[in-house]
Protein backbone atom coordinates (compact mmCIF):
# COMPACT_ATOMS: atom_id res chain seq x y z
CA UNK A 1 6.13 -23.11 -11.91
CA UNK A 2 9.63 -23.38 -10.47
CA UNK A 3 11.81 -20.38 -9.67
CA UNK A 4 13.83 -20.58 -12.90
CA UNK A 5 10.64 -20.61 -14.95
CA UNK A 6 9.26 -17.74 -12.89
CA UNK A 7 12.37 -15.65 -13.56
CA UNK A 8 12.25 -16.40 -17.27
CA UNK A 9 8.56 -15.51 -17.43
CA UNK A 10 9.16 -12.25 -15.57
CA UNK A 11 11.99 -11.36 -17.96
CA UNK A 12 9.74 -12.06 -20.94
CA UNK A 13 7.06 -9.75 -19.54
CA UNK A 14 9.62 -7.02 -18.91
CA UNK A 15 11.00 -7.32 -22.43
CA UNK A 16 7.50 -7.14 -23.87
CA UNK A 17 6.77 -3.97 -21.93
CA UNK A 18 9.95 -2.33 -23.21
CA UNK A 19 9.32 -3.01 -26.90
CA UNK A 20 5.54 -2.42 -26.83
CA UNK A 21 4.40 0.18 -29.37
CA UNK A 22 3.75 3.67 -28.08
CA UNK A 23 0.14 4.20 -27.06
CA UNK A 24 -2.03 6.69 -28.90
CA UNK A 25 -3.17 9.48 -26.62
CA UNK A 26 -6.40 11.25 -27.42
CA UNK A 27 -7.91 14.32 -25.78
CA UNK A 28 -11.21 14.32 -23.88
CA UNK A 29 -14.02 15.70 -25.96
CA UNK A 30 -16.52 18.36 -25.01
CA UNK A 31 -19.67 16.29 -25.39
CA UNK A 32 -21.72 19.40 -26.24
CA UNK A 33 -20.19 19.07 -29.73
CA UNK A 34 -21.52 15.52 -30.15
CA UNK A 35 -24.41 15.25 -32.66
CA UNK A 36 -26.84 13.73 -30.17
CA UNK A 37 -26.23 16.61 -27.77
CA UNK A 38 -26.76 19.26 -30.45
CA UNK A 39 -30.00 17.53 -31.39
CA UNK A 40 -31.33 17.82 -27.84
CA UNK A 41 -30.08 21.29 -27.14
CA UNK A 42 -27.16 20.10 -24.99
CA UNK A 43 -29.34 20.14 -21.88
CA UNK A 44 -28.60 16.71 -20.46
CA UNK A 45 -25.87 16.44 -17.77
CA UNK A 46 -23.68 14.32 -20.04
CA UNK A 47 -23.77 17.09 -22.63
CA UNK A 48 -22.51 19.68 -20.16
CA UNK A 49 -19.65 17.56 -18.84
CA UNK A 50 -16.21 16.75 -20.14
CA UNK A 51 -16.59 13.37 -21.81
CA UNK A 52 -14.31 10.61 -22.90
CA UNK A 53 -15.17 7.21 -24.24
CA UNK A 54 -12.83 4.39 -23.26
CA UNK A 55 -12.03 2.51 -26.48
CA UNK A 56 -14.15 -0.45 -27.48
CA UNK A 57 -12.75 -3.96 -27.35
CA UNK A 58 -11.45 -3.69 -30.92
CA UNK A 59 -9.63 -0.45 -30.10
CA UNK A 60 -8.11 -1.34 -26.75
CA UNK A 61 -4.78 -2.46 -28.13
CA UNK A 62 -4.21 0.93 -29.73
CA UNK A 63 -5.90 3.48 -27.49
CA UNK A 64 -5.59 3.96 -23.74
CA UNK A 65 -7.06 6.68 -21.54
CA UNK A 66 -4.06 8.68 -20.32
CA UNK A 67 -5.54 12.11 -19.70
CA UNK A 68 -5.25 14.10 -16.51
CA UNK A 69 -8.84 15.30 -16.25
CA UNK A 70 -9.63 18.56 -14.51
CA UNK A 71 -10.71 18.26 -10.94
CA UNK A 72 -11.64 15.06 -9.19
CA UNK A 73 -15.33 14.80 -10.12
CA UNK A 74 -15.67 11.70 -12.28
CA UNK A 75 -18.49 9.44 -13.43
CA UNK A 76 -17.35 6.07 -14.76
CA UNK A 77 -20.16 4.57 -16.81
CA UNK A 78 -20.98 0.98 -17.76
CA UNK A 79 -18.11 -0.77 -15.97
CA UNK A 80 -17.90 -4.28 -14.62
CA UNK A 81 -17.35 -3.18 -11.03
CA UNK A 82 -15.46 -5.66 -8.86
CA UNK A 83 -16.20 -4.00 -5.54
CA UNK A 84 -14.08 -6.36 -3.36
CA UNK A 85 -16.82 -5.74 -0.83
CA UNK A 86 -20.13 -7.26 0.18
CA UNK A 87 -21.78 -6.22 -3.11
CA UNK A 88 -19.47 -8.48 -5.09
CA UNK A 89 -19.29 -7.91 -8.85
CA UNK A 90 -21.75 -5.47 -10.46
CA UNK A 91 -22.10 -5.52 -14.25
CA UNK A 92 -22.96 -2.51 -16.39
CA UNK A 93 -22.65 -0.24 -13.36
CA UNK A 94 -21.70 3.40 -12.86
CA UNK A 95 -19.46 4.85 -10.15
CA UNK A 96 -19.72 8.54 -9.26
CA UNK A 97 -16.74 10.27 -7.65
CA UNK A 98 -16.96 13.73 -6.11
CA UNK A 99 -14.29 15.45 -4.08
CA UNK A 100 -12.09 12.36 -4.32
CA UNK A 101 -14.72 10.19 -2.58
CA UNK A 102 -17.02 7.52 -4.03
CA UNK A 103 -20.46 9.11 -3.71
CA UNK A 104 -22.75 6.73 -5.59
CA UNK A 105 -22.75 3.29 -7.23
CA UNK A 106 -25.59 2.20 -9.49
CA UNK A 107 -27.01 2.13 -12.98
CA UNK A 108 -27.58 5.19 -15.17
CA UNK A 109 -26.43 7.66 -12.55
CA UNK A 110 -26.89 11.34 -13.34
CA UNK A 111 -23.74 13.35 -13.93
CA UNK A 112 -23.62 16.73 -12.16
CA UNK A 113 -22.41 19.61 -14.29
CA UNK A 114 -18.63 19.75 -14.60
CA UNK A 115 -18.16 16.02 -14.09
CA UNK A 116 -15.73 14.12 -16.29
CA UNK A 117 -17.52 11.20 -17.94
CA UNK A 118 -15.70 7.94 -18.65
CA UNK A 119 -17.40 5.30 -20.78
CA UNK A 120 -15.83 2.04 -19.55
CA UNK A 121 -17.69 0.01 -22.17
CA UNK A 122 -17.92 -2.99 -19.82
CA UNK A 123 -14.24 -3.04 -18.81
CA UNK A 124 -13.32 -4.26 -15.30
CA UNK A 125 -13.07 -1.62 -12.57
CA UNK A 126 -11.40 -2.54 -9.28
CA UNK A 127 -10.12 -0.77 -6.19
CA UNK A 128 -6.49 0.28 -6.37
CA UNK A 129 -4.30 -2.72 -5.63
CA UNK A 130 -1.95 -3.33 -2.72
CA UNK A 131 1.70 -3.36 -3.79
CA UNK A 132 2.71 -5.57 -0.87
CA UNK A 133 5.37 -4.99 1.78
CA UNK A 134 7.95 -2.94 -0.11
CA UNK A 135 10.57 -0.24 -0.03
CA UNK A 136 8.95 1.90 -2.72
CA UNK A 137 10.10 5.44 -2.04
CA UNK A 138 12.85 4.39 0.40
CA UNK A 139 14.84 2.20 -2.00
CA UNK A 140 15.87 3.52 -5.40
CA UNK A 141 18.90 1.61 -6.69
CA UNK A 142 19.42 -1.74 -5.01
CA UNK A 143 23.19 -1.76 -5.54
CA UNK A 144 23.73 1.81 -4.30
CA UNK A 145 23.72 2.05 -0.47
CA UNK A 146 23.12 5.80 -0.45
CA UNK A 147 19.69 5.23 -2.02
CA UNK A 148 18.60 2.48 0.39
CA UNK A 149 16.99 3.44 3.69
CA UNK A 150 15.13 0.24 4.54
CA UNK A 151 17.25 -1.16 7.37
CA UNK A 152 19.38 -0.04 10.29
CA UNK A 153 22.91 -1.39 10.94
CA UNK A 154 25.38 -0.14 13.53
CA UNK A 155 28.07 -2.75 13.01
CA UNK A 156 28.04 -6.26 11.62
CA UNK A 157 31.45 -7.48 12.71
CA UNK A 158 31.12 -10.70 14.78
CA UNK A 159 30.61 -11.08 17.61
CA UNK A 160 27.70 -8.69 17.18
CA UNK A 161 26.42 -7.04 20.35
CA UNK A 162 22.69 -7.42 20.81
CA UNK A 163 20.83 -4.15 20.45
CA UNK A 164 17.37 -3.14 19.32
CA UNK A 165 16.08 0.19 18.02
CA UNK A 166 12.30 -0.10 17.54
CA UNK A 167 12.20 3.70 17.32
CA UNK A 168 13.84 3.47 13.86
CA UNK A 169 11.17 4.73 11.41
CA UNK A 170 11.74 4.26 7.67
CA UNK A 171 8.95 6.69 6.80
CA UNK A 172 11.33 9.53 7.66
CA UNK A 173 13.26 8.66 4.49
CA UNK A 174 10.26 8.39 2.15
CA UNK A 175 10.72 10.12 -1.20
CA UNK A 176 7.41 10.58 -3.09
CA UNK A 177 9.39 11.63 -6.18
CA UNK A 178 11.00 8.21 -6.50
CA UNK A 179 10.93 6.77 -10.02
CA UNK A 180 9.45 3.58 -8.58
CA UNK A 181 6.08 5.20 -7.84
CA UNK A 182 4.96 5.77 -11.46
CA UNK A 183 6.11 2.26 -12.40
CA UNK A 184 3.99 0.79 -9.61
CA UNK A 185 0.98 2.95 -10.49
CA UNK A 186 1.08 1.78 -14.09
CA UNK A 187 0.61 -1.73 -12.72
CA UNK A 188 -2.61 -0.66 -11.01
CA UNK A 189 -0.97 -0.41 -7.58
CA UNK A 190 -2.24 2.36 -5.32
CA UNK A 191 -0.87 1.67 -1.82
CA UNK A 192 1.97 -0.13 -0.11
CA UNK A 193 3.25 -0.86 3.38
CA UNK A 194 6.78 0.45 3.81
CA UNK A 195 8.84 -2.04 5.80
CA UNK A 196 11.79 -1.79 8.14
CA UNK A 197 14.17 -4.65 7.39
CA UNK A 198 16.63 -6.73 9.42
CA UNK A 199 20.23 -7.00 8.25
CA UNK A 200 23.66 -7.72 9.76
CA UNK A 201 24.34 -5.02 12.31
CA UNK A 202 20.64 -4.57 12.97
CA UNK A 203 18.16 -6.59 14.99
CA UNK A 204 15.12 -8.85 14.79
CA UNK A 205 13.01 -5.88 15.93
CA UNK A 206 13.70 -4.00 12.73
CA UNK A 207 11.82 -0.77 13.36
CA UNK A 208 8.69 0.92 12.12
CA UNK A 209 7.08 1.46 8.75
CA UNK A 210 3.94 3.13 7.43
CA UNK A 211 1.23 2.61 4.86
CA UNK A 212 1.48 5.06 1.99
CA UNK A 213 -0.77 5.83 -0.96
CA UNK A 214 1.22 6.08 -4.18
CA UNK A 215 -0.16 9.42 -5.34
CA UNK A 216 3.22 11.14 -5.22
CA UNK A 217 2.24 13.64 -2.52
CA UNK A 218 4.40 14.50 0.47
CA UNK A 219 1.57 13.74 2.91
CA UNK A 220 0.52 10.40 1.44
CA UNK A 221 0.79 8.34 4.63
CA UNK A 222 -2.46 6.98 6.02
CA UNK A 223 -3.22 4.96 9.13
CA UNK A 224 -0.86 4.29 12.00
CA UNK A 225 2.75 3.13 12.01
CA UNK A 226 3.46 -0.59 12.24
CA UNK A 227 6.32 -2.38 13.98
CA UNK A 228 8.34 -4.99 12.08
CA UNK A 229 9.78 -8.10 13.72
CA UNK A 230 11.65 -10.71 11.69
CA UNK A 231 12.34 -14.25 12.90
CA UNK A 232 13.80 -17.45 11.50
CA UNK A 233 16.90 -19.45 10.79
CA UNK A 234 18.35 -16.97 8.33
CA UNK A 235 18.40 -14.32 11.07
CA UNK A 236 20.08 -16.51 13.70
CA UNK A 237 23.23 -14.31 13.70
CA UNK A 238 21.07 -11.53 15.18
CA UNK A 239 20.11 -13.88 18.03
CA UNK A 240 23.52 -15.13 19.04
CA UNK A 241 23.54 -17.70 16.20
CA UNK A 242 20.46 -19.45 17.58
CA UNK A 243 16.79 -19.35 16.70
CA UNK A 244 16.11 -19.80 20.40
CA UNK A 245 18.27 -16.74 21.02
CA UNK A 246 15.90 -14.67 18.89
CA UNK A 247 12.99 -15.54 21.16
CA UNK A 248 15.13 -14.89 24.24
CA UNK A 249 16.01 -11.40 23.03
CA UNK A 250 12.44 -10.68 21.97
CA UNK A 251 11.20 -11.64 25.44
CA UNK A 252 13.85 -9.44 27.07
CA UNK A 253 12.93 -6.46 24.90
CA UNK A 254 9.23 -6.83 25.77
CA UNK A 255 10.12 -7.12 29.47
CA UNK A 256 12.23 -3.95 29.26
CA UNK A 257 9.41 -2.09 27.55
CA UNK A 258 7.00 -3.09 30.34
CA UNK A 259 9.49 -2.52 33.15
CA UNK A 260 10.20 0.54 35.22
CA UNK A 261 13.78 -0.62 35.87
CA UNK A 262 16.53 1.96 35.25
CA UNK A 263 17.56 2.32 31.62
CA UNK A 264 21.22 1.84 30.80
CA UNK A 265 22.02 -1.01 33.16
CA UNK A 266 24.25 -3.81 31.92
CA UNK A 267 22.97 -5.86 28.95
CA UNK A 268 19.89 -3.75 28.23
CA UNK A 269 18.61 -3.89 24.67
CA UNK A 270 16.55 -0.71 24.42
CA UNK A 271 17.19 3.01 24.64
CA UNK A 272 14.72 5.16 26.60
CA UNK A 273 12.98 6.16 23.36
CA UNK A 274 13.07 2.56 22.16
CA UNK A 275 11.46 1.41 25.38
CA UNK A 276 8.56 3.85 25.05
CA UNK A 277 8.18 3.04 21.35
CA UNK A 278 7.94 -0.70 21.92
CA UNK A 279 5.58 -0.18 24.86
CA UNK A 280 3.23 1.61 22.47
CA UNK A 281 2.79 -1.60 20.49
CA UNK A 282 2.04 -3.83 23.46
CA UNK A 283 -1.72 -4.17 23.47
CA UNK A 284 -2.25 -1.27 21.07
CA UNK A 285 -0.41 -1.04 17.75
CA UNK A 286 0.04 -3.38 14.81
CA UNK A 287 3.05 -5.70 14.57
CA UNK A 288 4.06 -7.36 11.29
CA UNK A 289 6.06 -10.53 11.92
CA UNK A 290 8.15 -12.12 9.19
CA UNK A 291 8.09 -15.87 9.84
CA UNK A 292 7.82 -19.05 7.73
CA UNK A 293 8.28 -22.28 9.70
CA UNK A 294 5.11 -23.82 11.11
CA UNK A 295 6.65 -24.28 14.57
CA UNK A 296 7.72 -20.62 14.63
CA UNK A 297 4.24 -19.51 13.56
CA UNK A 298 2.75 -21.27 16.58
CA UNK A 299 5.29 -19.65 18.89
CA UNK A 300 4.50 -16.23 17.47
CA UNK A 301 0.76 -16.81 17.98
CA UNK A 302 1.46 -17.79 21.59
CA UNK A 303 3.59 -14.68 22.21
CA UNK A 304 0.97 -12.45 20.58
CA UNK A 305 -1.81 -13.84 22.75
CA UNK A 306 0.26 -13.61 25.90
CA UNK A 307 1.49 -10.08 25.25
CA UNK A 308 -1.73 -8.90 23.57
CA UNK A 309 -0.07 -8.06 20.27
CA UNK A 310 -2.11 -7.29 17.15
CA UNK A 311 -0.09 -9.25 14.60
CA UNK A 312 -0.04 -9.80 10.85
CA UNK A 313 2.19 -12.58 9.54
CA UNK A 314 4.38 -11.93 6.51
CA UNK A 315 5.66 -14.92 4.52
CA UNK A 316 4.06 -17.87 6.34
CA UNK A 317 5.36 -20.32 3.74
CA UNK A 318 4.29 -23.21 5.97
CA UNK A 319 1.14 -21.48 7.13
CA UNK A 320 -1.09 -24.17 5.63
CA UNK A 321 0.38 -26.67 8.12
CA UNK A 322 -1.11 -24.69 11.04
CA UNK A 323 -4.05 -23.13 9.20
CA UNK A 324 -6.50 -24.15 11.90
CA UNK A 325 -4.54 -22.40 14.63
CA UNK A 326 -4.16 -19.26 12.50
CA UNK A 327 -7.89 -19.17 11.85
CA UNK A 328 -8.71 -19.73 15.53
CA UNK A 329 -6.39 -16.89 16.52
CA UNK A 330 -7.84 -14.64 13.78
CA UNK A 331 -4.39 -13.83 12.44
CA UNK A 332 -4.22 -12.49 8.85
CA UNK A 333 -1.29 -13.45 6.64
CA UNK A 334 0.45 -11.85 3.67
CA UNK A 335 1.96 -14.60 1.54
CA UNK A 336 3.89 -15.05 -1.70
CA UNK A 337 1.65 -17.03 -4.02
CA UNK A 338 4.62 -18.05 -6.18
CA UNK A 339 6.46 -19.98 -3.47
CA UNK A 340 6.49 -23.64 -4.40
CA UNK A 341 10.06 -24.70 -3.61
CA UNK A 342 11.98 -24.40 -0.34
CA UNK A 343 13.89 -21.14 -0.27
CA UNK A 344 15.36 -22.07 3.11
CA UNK A 345 15.08 -24.71 5.81
CA UNK A 346 12.24 -22.60 7.23
CA UNK A 347 10.09 -23.19 4.15
CA UNK A 348 10.51 -26.88 3.40
CA UNK A 349 6.73 -27.18 3.22
CA UNK A 350 6.23 -24.39 0.65
CA UNK A 351 3.44 -25.10 -1.84
CA UNK A 352 1.49 -23.23 -4.50
CA UNK A 353 -1.66 -24.33 -2.67
CA UNK A 354 -0.76 -22.40 0.48
CA UNK A 355 -3.27 -19.62 -0.24
CA UNK A 356 -6.10 -21.98 -1.15
CA UNK A 357 -5.59 -24.13 1.95
CA UNK A 358 -5.37 -21.15 4.27
CA UNK A 359 -8.49 -19.59 2.75
CA UNK A 360 -10.41 -22.87 3.04
CA UNK A 361 -9.53 -22.94 6.74
CA UNK A 362 -10.92 -19.44 7.24
CA UNK A 363 -7.67 -17.46 7.35
CA UNK A 364 -7.69 -13.95 5.85
CA UNK A 365 -4.99 -14.01 3.19
CA UNK A 366 -3.36 -11.16 1.34
CA UNK A 367 -0.31 -11.11 -0.91
CA UNK A 368 3.21 -9.75 -0.62
CA UNK A 369 6.20 -10.96 -2.61
CA UNK A 370 9.73 -11.68 -1.55
CA UNK A 371 12.91 -10.68 -3.31
CA UNK A 372 13.02 -7.34 -5.09
CA UNK A 373 9.45 -6.44 -4.19
CA UNK A 374 10.01 -2.72 -4.74
CA UNK A 375 11.25 -2.72 -8.32
CA UNK A 376 9.04 -5.66 -9.32
CA UNK A 377 5.93 -4.65 -7.40
CA UNK A 378 3.81 -5.15 -10.55
CA UNK A 379 4.39 -8.92 -10.22
CA UNK A 380 2.05 -9.04 -7.23
CA UNK A 381 -0.90 -9.65 -9.58
CA UNK A 382 0.90 -12.79 -10.72
CA UNK A 383 1.05 -13.98 -7.11
CA UNK A 384 -2.73 -13.71 -6.81
CA UNK A 385 -3.31 -15.19 -10.26
CA UNK A 386 -1.16 -18.21 -9.48
CA UNK A 387 -3.00 -18.73 -6.21
CA UNK A 388 -6.30 -18.71 -8.11
CA UNK A 389 -4.87 -21.21 -10.60
CA UNK A 390 -4.08 -23.45 -7.63
CA UNK A 391 -7.47 -23.50 -5.97
CA UNK A 392 -8.10 -20.07 -4.45
CA UNK A 393 -11.48 -18.59 -5.49
CA UNK A 394 -11.13 -15.64 -7.88
CA UNK A 395 -12.94 -13.26 -5.53
CA UNK A 396 -10.55 -14.21 -2.72
CA UNK A 397 -7.63 -13.58 -5.06
CA UNK A 398 -8.81 -10.04 -5.75
CA UNK A 399 -9.58 -9.48 -2.07
CA UNK A 400 -6.01 -10.54 -1.28
CA UNK A 401 -4.84 -7.52 -3.30
CA UNK A 402 -7.43 -5.09 -1.98
CA UNK A 403 -9.80 -5.54 0.96
CA UNK A 404 -7.79 -8.05 3.02
CA UNK A 405 -4.50 -6.11 3.23
CA UNK A 406 -6.40 -2.84 3.73
CA UNK A 407 -8.28 -4.30 6.71
CA UNK A 408 -5.25 -6.15 8.08
CA UNK A 409 -3.20 -2.94 8.01
CA UNK A 410 -5.87 -0.80 9.61
CA UNK A 411 -7.16 1.23 6.64
CA UNK A 412 -10.14 -0.88 5.61
CA UNK A 413 -12.46 2.00 6.49
CA UNK A 414 -11.06 4.12 3.64
CA UNK A 415 -9.27 1.83 1.16
CA UNK A 416 -9.55 -1.63 -0.37
CA UNK A 417 -13.07 -1.73 -1.80
CA UNK A 418 -15.43 0.20 -4.03
CA UNK A 419 -18.06 1.40 -1.59
CA UNK A 420 -19.82 4.69 -1.01
CA UNK A 421 -17.84 6.93 1.31
CA UNK A 422 -14.41 5.44 0.58
CA UNK A 423 -11.53 7.09 -1.21
CA UNK A 424 -11.82 6.89 -4.97
CA UNK A 425 -8.66 4.89 -5.60
CA UNK A 426 -9.77 3.02 -8.72
CA UNK A 427 -8.28 1.11 -11.65
CA UNK A 428 -9.84 0.46 -15.06
CA UNK A 429 -8.41 -2.65 -16.72
CA UNK A 430 -8.11 -4.00 -20.24
CA UNK A 431 -9.15 -7.45 -18.98
CA UNK A 432 -9.00 -9.76 -15.97
CA UNK A 433 -6.85 -7.93 -13.39
CA UNK A 434 -5.43 -11.26 -12.16
CA UNK A 435 -4.20 -12.13 -15.65
CA UNK A 436 -0.70 -10.77 -16.30
CA UNK A 437 -1.58 -10.14 -19.96
CA UNK A 438 -4.10 -7.48 -18.84
CA UNK A 439 -3.00 -3.91 -18.26
CA UNK A 440 -4.20 -0.96 -16.25
CA UNK A 441 -5.75 1.46 -18.72
CA UNK A 442 -6.23 4.20 -16.15
CA UNK A 443 -5.71 4.60 -12.41
CA UNK A 444 -7.37 7.25 -10.26
CA UNK A 445 -6.10 8.16 -6.81
CA UNK A 446 -8.51 10.26 -4.79
CA UNK A 447 -10.53 10.68 -7.97
CA UNK A 448 -7.63 12.21 -9.86
CA UNK A 449 -6.40 10.46 -12.97
CA UNK A 450 -2.71 9.66 -12.67
CA UNK A 451 -0.37 10.00 -15.67
CA UNK A 452 -0.05 6.62 -17.33
CA UNK A 453 3.66 6.97 -17.94
CA UNK A 454 6.88 6.19 -16.10
CA UNK A 455 10.59 6.49 -16.63
CA UNK A 456 10.42 3.16 -18.45
CA UNK A 457 7.78 4.27 -20.94
CA UNK A 458 9.51 7.60 -21.49
CA UNK A 459 12.73 5.77 -22.35
CA UNK A 460 10.82 3.36 -24.59
CA UNK A 461 9.15 6.19 -26.48
CA UNK A 462 12.40 8.15 -26.78
CA UNK A 463 14.18 5.32 -28.56
CA UNK A 464 11.23 4.30 -30.70
CA UNK A 465 11.50 7.64 -32.47
CA UNK A 466 13.56 7.82 -35.61
CA UNK A 467 17.00 9.32 -35.13
CA UNK A 468 17.25 12.98 -36.09
CA UNK A 469 19.86 15.68 -36.17
CA UNK A 470 20.06 15.70 -32.38
CA UNK A 471 20.51 12.70 -30.09
CA UNK A 472 17.34 11.00 -28.97
CA UNK A 473 17.79 12.46 -25.51
CA UNK A 474 16.29 15.68 -26.86
CA UNK A 475 12.57 16.16 -27.57
């Protein structure tokens, strides 16, 4: 699919979501009122718990579970559980959540009193999906600078003086009340890596970002900060109009961070705080490197091995060309599965088979899209689906949205798979989660059901109502 077709397809999906009929919202039933419970004296655990049945296949187009259930004790019954872990896919399986943690996985699990029961009726259940490298919560309106906090720029007038501020941390600007969070959650997305970007007036060492769960809380960050470095022909102006200049400046910055030489001497790149920040990533922290060209990928691997950097590659459009070297170096990559045409001279070898070829070589692959990844985060499922359509195994496609990015970003011990002891970030789907025609019927974060509505659905529902005496802006 070329880029024009991709854009048209995305527009069609967006239009369909806007004009979709409003979903019927039911209330959870007290199962003690069900006939079978009355007949048995309402003694069984299911009869003493709040209960809701997810609609059958015939009802799914008209009914969706949208309740906010009390507490975070949930038992999801009879789901097709795609664990994204060693257990693989488990059919007709229950998942018990207590205190926001997955406590048990199996068949016909008992429900403790006070547990909300969800009858999945065989529907797919997955871990919450990775939204990719985005600016969700630090970018609201793309065309309004006052709402964009993703990049640092001190002056872009040529000739631009070389300077680097690795201490820049975009998480300081995170707004959990951003309208982008509910939109992402409705797409089944539960966590994202906030990125520091490079722009004119900034530098190739863009700054730091953090991994955040999209539950809307003010303390949603998990794991450690990551450093972002961006390289390539498009960023040559930040390296004295030379790709080689980028590597020269990167080497100087690393030398300054390791050096005890006086700060502030002529032609230094780092501030005292910047020096200590960068030093913290040399041999310790995680560095995400944006790079596409095969030759640049090899240079980055060499630098990482020499400087003992723990790297994750972002983009890697020509990664398949050097798949063997990536696998040997054990470097994970986050790629855009829709890239099939050169977007620049760095990605002349772009192909839809990039994911499949990298996976076949033993490279851990996850997904992250380019372009407006924040506002269109929901498209990330299409990236994985297209990769599967072009040779990537289905299980690897799901892992690329769950377990692989979680592990690559240092939170695999708590996110990314459905396993006992991990956070209950779960999504129940209407169908195949890698098929864009499927929808998230309910998402739980820490065992708590999130509202299945966003600014988009509220606007849709407002204008689907018949006009009355007052404007539609009023309830």
